[in-house]
Amino acid sequence: MSAEPGLWWLSFVDTTKSDPPEQQVPGRGGFLGACIVPATDFGAAVWMADFLGCNPGGEIAGIPTTVPDPKWIGRLLSLTEIEELEAEEARDGRP
């Protein structure tokens, strides 16, 4: 029996930039973008990001997530879009 798919938030960083990877957050250093993809686990999420063409390369970190609107799923998100998504979540009272 396979696991149920959920959503994964993947962040991409360029580790050749001056900021250490753990400090490469949206708007700083080598941040390359983020995406939200459907997958059962981290490995499947990375594969899905490649498949959908929303993996810009670099080092990848990921966590399970939820999103309020399907418009955020399956594409590379810019810093501006990430800020929009965070504002939307705050308005709706989600962490």
N, C-alpha and C. Protein backbone atom coordinates (compact mmCIF):
# COMPACT_ATOMS: atom_id res chain seq x y z
N MET A 1 0.85 -1.18 0.00
CA MET A 1 0.00 0.00 0.00
C MET A 1 0.90 1.25 0.00
N SER A 2 0.63 2.19 -0.88
CA SER A 2 1.47 3.37 -0.98
C SER A 2 0.94 4.48 -0.08
N ALA A 3 1.85 5.40 0.25
CA ALA A 3 1.48 6.53 1.09
C ALA A 3 0.59 7.50 0.31
N GLU A 4 -0.25 8.19 1.04
CA GLU A 4 -1.11 9.21 0.42
C GLU A 4 -0.27 10.42 0.03
N PRO A 5 -0.50 10.95 -1.16
CA PRO A 5 0.26 12.15 -1.52
C PRO A 5 -0.18 13.36 -0.70
N GLY A 6 0.76 14.21 -0.43
CA GLY A 6 0.51 15.47 0.24
C GLY A 6 1.22 16.55 -0.55
N LEU A 7 1.46 17.68 0.08
CA LEU A 7 2.18 18.76 -0.57
C LEU A 7 3.52 18.99 0.14
N TRP A 8 4.53 19.29 -0.66
CA TRP A 8 5.86 19.57 -0.14
C TRP A 8 6.32 20.94 -0.60
N TRP A 9 6.89 21.72 0.32
CA TRP A 9 7.52 23.00 0.03
C TRP A 9 9.01 22.71 -0.17
N LEU A 10 9.53 23.04 -1.33
CA LEU A 10 10.96 22.88 -1.61
C LEU A 10 11.57 24.26 -1.80
N SER A 11 12.71 24.49 -1.14
CA SER A 11 13.47 25.73 -1.31
C SER A 11 14.79 25.38 -1.97
N PHE A 12 15.26 26.26 -2.85
CA PHE A 12 16.48 26.02 -3.61
C PHE A 12 17.48 27.15 -3.33
N VAL A 13 18.74 26.77 -3.06
CA VAL A 13 19.79 27.76 -2.81
C VAL A 13 21.04 27.42 -3.61
N ASP A 14 21.77 28.46 -3.96
CA ASP A 14 23.06 28.33 -4.63
C ASP A 14 24.12 28.36 -3.55
N THR A 15 24.73 27.22 -3.27
CA THR A 15 25.69 27.12 -2.16
C THR A 15 27.03 27.79 -2.48
N THR A 16 27.20 28.30 -3.69
CA THR A 16 28.44 29.00 -4.02
C THR A 16 28.38 30.47 -3.61
N LYS A 17 27.22 30.94 -3.17
CA LYS A 17 27.09 32.33 -2.72
C LYS A 17 27.72 32.50 -1.35
N SER A 18 27.93 33.75 -0.93
CA SER A 18 28.67 34.02 0.30
C SER A 18 27.94 33.62 1.57
N ASP A 19 26.60 33.70 1.59
CA ASP A 19 25.86 33.32 2.80
C ASP A 19 25.91 31.81 2.98
N PRO A 20 26.08 31.32 4.21
CA PRO A 20 25.97 29.88 4.45
C PRO A 20 24.58 29.40 4.04
N PRO A 21 24.44 28.14 3.58
CA PRO A 21 23.13 27.64 3.13
C PRO A 21 22.00 27.87 4.11
N GLU A 22 22.24 27.72 5.41
CA GLU A 22 21.16 27.88 6.39
C GLU A 22 20.70 29.33 6.51
N GLN A 23 21.47 30.29 5.98
CA GLN A 23 21.08 31.70 6.01
C GLN A 23 20.53 32.17 4.66
N GLN A 24 20.47 31.28 3.70
CA GLN A 24 19.98 31.65 2.38
C GLN A 24 18.46 31.52 2.35
N VAL A 25 17.83 32.58 2.71
CA VAL A 25 16.37 32.64 2.79
C VAL A 25 15.85 33.61 1.73
N PRO A 26 14.56 33.60 1.45
CA PRO A 26 14.03 34.52 0.44
C PRO A 26 14.53 35.95 0.65
N GLY A 27 15.06 36.52 -0.43
CA GLY A 27 15.54 37.88 -0.39
C GLY A 27 17.00 38.05 -0.02
N ARG A 28 17.71 36.96 0.29
CA ARG A 28 19.11 37.04 0.70
C ARG A 28 19.96 36.04 -0.05
N GLY A 29 21.21 36.38 -0.18
CA GLY A 29 22.24 35.46 -0.65
C GLY A 29 21.89 34.70 -1.90
N GLY A 30 22.06 33.39 -1.83
CA GLY A 30 21.89 32.54 -2.99
C GLY A 30 20.52 31.92 -3.16
N PHE A 31 19.50 32.51 -2.57
CA PHE A 31 18.16 31.96 -2.70
C PHE A 31 17.74 31.95 -4.16
N LEU A 32 17.31 30.79 -4.68
CA LEU A 32 16.94 30.64 -6.08
C LEU A 32 15.43 30.55 -6.29
N GLY A 33 14.68 30.37 -5.23
CA GLY A 33 13.23 30.24 -5.36
C GLY A 33 12.72 29.06 -4.56
N ALA A 34 11.42 28.83 -4.67
CA ALA A 34 10.77 27.73 -3.96
C ALA A 34 9.62 27.23 -4.81
N CYS A 35 9.19 26.02 -4.51
CA CYS A 35 8.01 25.50 -5.18
C CYS A 35 7.24 24.62 -4.21
N ILE A 36 5.98 24.41 -4.52
CA ILE A 36 5.12 23.51 -3.76
C ILE A 36 4.63 22.45 -4.73
N VAL A 37 4.91 21.20 -4.40
CA VAL A 37 4.56 20.12 -5.31
C VAL A 37 3.86 18.98 -4.57
N PRO A 38 2.98 18.25 -5.26
CA PRO A 38 2.35 17.07 -4.64
C PRO A 38 3.33 15.91 -4.66
N ALA A 39 3.45 15.22 -3.53
CA ALA A 39 4.35 14.07 -3.44
C ALA A 39 4.10 13.32 -2.13
N THR A 40 4.58 12.09 -2.08
CA THR A 40 4.42 11.27 -0.88
C THR A 40 5.57 11.44 0.10
N ASP A 41 6.75 11.89 -0.39
CA ASP A 41 7.91 12.07 0.46
C ASP A 41 8.89 13.03 -0.20
N PHE A 42 9.98 13.35 0.48
CA PHE A 42 10.94 14.33 -0.03
C PHE A 42 11.53 13.92 -1.38
N GLY A 43 11.94 12.67 -1.51
CA GLY A 43 12.51 12.20 -2.78
C GLY A 43 11.53 12.33 -3.93
N ALA A 44 10.29 11.98 -3.69
CA ALA A 44 9.26 12.11 -4.72
C ALA A 44 9.00 13.59 -5.04
N ALA A 45 9.11 14.44 -4.03
CA ALA A 45 8.90 15.88 -4.24
C ALA A 45 9.99 16.46 -5.14
N VAL A 46 11.24 16.04 -4.93
CA VAL A 46 12.33 16.50 -5.78
C VAL A 46 12.11 16.02 -7.21
N TRP A 47 11.71 14.75 -7.36
CA TRP A 47 11.43 14.22 -8.69
C TRP A 47 10.30 15.02 -9.36
N MET A 48 9.24 15.32 -8.61
CA MET A 48 8.11 16.05 -9.16
C MET A 48 8.53 17.47 -9.58
N ALA A 49 9.36 18.13 -8.77
CA ALA A 49 9.85 19.47 -9.13
C ALA A 49 10.63 19.42 -10.45
N ASP A 50 11.45 18.38 -10.61
CA ASP A 50 12.17 18.20 -11.88
C ASP A 50 11.19 17.98 -13.02
N PHE A 51 10.23 17.08 -12.80
CA PHE A 51 9.25 16.74 -13.83
C PHE A 51 8.44 17.95 -14.28
N LEU A 52 8.04 18.79 -13.31
CA LEU A 52 7.23 19.97 -13.61
C LEU A 52 8.05 21.16 -14.11
N GLY A 53 9.38 21.03 -14.05
CA GLY A 53 10.24 22.11 -14.51
C GLY A 53 10.35 23.28 -13.56
N CYS A 54 10.11 23.03 -12.27
CA CYS A 54 10.20 24.13 -11.30
C CYS A 54 11.38 23.96 -10.35
N ASN A 55 12.39 23.19 -10.75
CA ASN A 55 13.61 23.03 -9.99
C ASN A 55 14.71 23.82 -10.69
N PRO A 56 15.13 24.97 -10.10
CA PRO A 56 16.15 25.79 -10.75
C PRO A 56 17.58 25.31 -10.48
N GLY A 57 17.71 24.22 -9.73
CA GLY A 57 19.03 23.71 -9.38
C GLY A 57 19.42 24.14 -7.99
N GLY A 58 20.64 23.86 -7.63
CA GLY A 58 21.15 24.21 -6.31
C GLY A 58 20.80 23.16 -5.27
N GLU A 59 21.12 23.49 -4.03
CA GLU A 59 20.83 22.61 -2.90
C GLU A 59 19.35 22.75 -2.56
N ILE A 60 18.72 21.63 -2.16
CA ILE A 60 17.28 21.61 -1.92
C ILE A 60 16.99 21.24 -0.46
N ALA A 61 16.08 21.98 0.14
CA ALA A 61 15.52 21.62 1.45
C ALA A 61 14.02 21.53 1.27
N GLY A 62 13.37 20.64 2.01
CA GLY A 62 11.93 20.49 1.86
C GLY A 62 11.24 20.11 3.14
N ILE A 63 9.97 20.54 3.22
CA ILE A 63 9.12 20.18 4.35
C ILE A 63 7.69 19.95 3.84
N PRO A 64 6.94 19.07 4.51
CA PRO A 64 5.52 18.93 4.16
C PRO A 64 4.80 20.25 4.46
N THR A 65 3.78 20.56 3.67
CA THR A 65 3.08 21.83 3.84
C THR A 65 1.63 21.72 3.40
N THR A 66 0.91 22.76 3.58
CA THR A 66 -0.44 22.94 3.04
C THR A 66 -0.47 24.33 2.41
N VAL A 67 -1.35 24.53 1.48
CA VAL A 67 -1.50 25.86 0.88
C VAL A 67 -2.98 26.17 0.72
N PRO A 68 -3.33 27.46 0.76
CA PRO A 68 -4.73 27.84 0.70
C PRO A 68 -5.33 27.79 -0.70
N ASP A 69 -4.50 27.85 -1.73
CA ASP A 69 -5.01 28.01 -3.09
C ASP A 69 -4.14 27.22 -4.07
N PRO A 70 -4.74 26.45 -4.95
CA PRO A 70 -3.97 25.65 -5.92
C PRO A 70 -3.08 26.48 -6.86
N LYS A 71 -3.31 27.79 -6.95
CA LYS A 71 -2.50 28.63 -7.85
C LYS A 71 -1.03 28.63 -7.47
N TRP A 72 -0.70 28.23 -6.23
CA TRP A 72 0.68 28.24 -5.76
C TRP A 72 1.41 26.93 -6.07
N ILE A 73 0.70 25.92 -6.53
CA ILE A 73 1.26 24.57 -6.65
C ILE A 73 1.85 24.33 -8.04
N GLY A 74 3.02 23.67 -8.06
CA GLY A 74 3.58 23.15 -9.30
C GLY A 74 4.35 24.12 -10.16
N ARG A 75 4.84 25.21 -9.57
CA ARG A 75 5.64 26.15 -10.34
C ARG A 75 6.66 26.82 -9.43
N LEU A 76 7.73 27.36 -10.04
CA LEU A 76 8.74 28.06 -9.27
C LEU A 76 8.17 29.38 -8.79
N LEU A 77 8.27 29.62 -7.48
CA LEU A 77 7.74 30.85 -6.89
C LEU A 77 8.87 31.85 -6.69
N SER A 78 8.62 33.08 -7.07
CA SER A 78 9.58 34.16 -6.87
C SER A 78 9.46 34.67 -5.43
N LEU A 79 10.40 35.52 -5.03
CA LEU A 79 10.34 36.12 -3.71
C LEU A 79 9.04 36.89 -3.52
N THR A 80 8.63 37.64 -4.53
CA THR A 80 7.38 38.41 -4.45
C THR A 80 6.19 37.49 -4.23
N GLU A 81 6.15 36.37 -4.96
CA GLU A 81 5.03 35.43 -4.81
C GLU A 81 5.06 34.76 -3.44
N ILE A 82 6.24 34.46 -2.91
CA ILE A 82 6.35 33.87 -1.58
C ILE A 82 5.81 34.85 -0.54
N GLU A 83 6.14 36.12 -0.70
CA GLU A 83 5.62 37.13 0.22
C GLU A 83 4.10 37.24 0.12
N GLU A 84 3.56 37.14 -1.10
CA GLU A 84 2.10 37.15 -1.30
C GLU A 84 1.45 35.96 -0.59
N LEU A 85 2.04 34.78 -0.76
CA LEU A 85 1.53 33.56 -0.14
C LEU A 85 1.55 33.69 1.38
N GLU A 86 2.65 34.21 1.94
CA GLU A 86 2.74 34.39 3.39
C GLU A 86 1.68 35.37 3.88
N ALA A 87 1.44 36.45 3.13
CA ALA A 87 0.41 37.42 3.52
C ALA A 87 -0.97 36.79 3.47
N GLU A 88 -1.21 35.97 2.46
CA GLU A 88 -2.49 35.28 2.33
C GLU A 88 -2.71 34.34 3.52
N GLU A 89 -1.67 33.62 3.90
CA GLU A 89 -1.78 32.70 5.04
C GLU A 89 -2.03 33.47 6.34
N ALA A 90 -1.36 34.60 6.50
CA ALA A 90 -1.55 35.42 7.71
C ALA A 90 -2.97 35.96 7.78
N ARG A 91 -3.51 36.40 6.64
CA ARG A 91 -4.89 36.91 6.61
C ARG A 91 -5.88 35.82 7.01
N ASP A 92 -5.59 34.59 6.58
CA ASP A 92 -6.48 33.47 6.86
C ASP A 92 -6.21 32.83 8.22
N GLY A 93 -5.22 33.34 8.96
CA GLY A 93 -4.91 32.83 10.29
C GLY A 93 -4.17 31.52 10.31
N ARG A 94 -3.46 31.19 9.23
CA ARG A 94 -2.66 29.96 9.20
C ARG A 94 -1.23 30.27 9.54
N PRO A 95 -0.55 29.35 10.23
CA PRO A 95 0.86 29.56 10.59
C PRO A 95 1.77 29.47 9.38
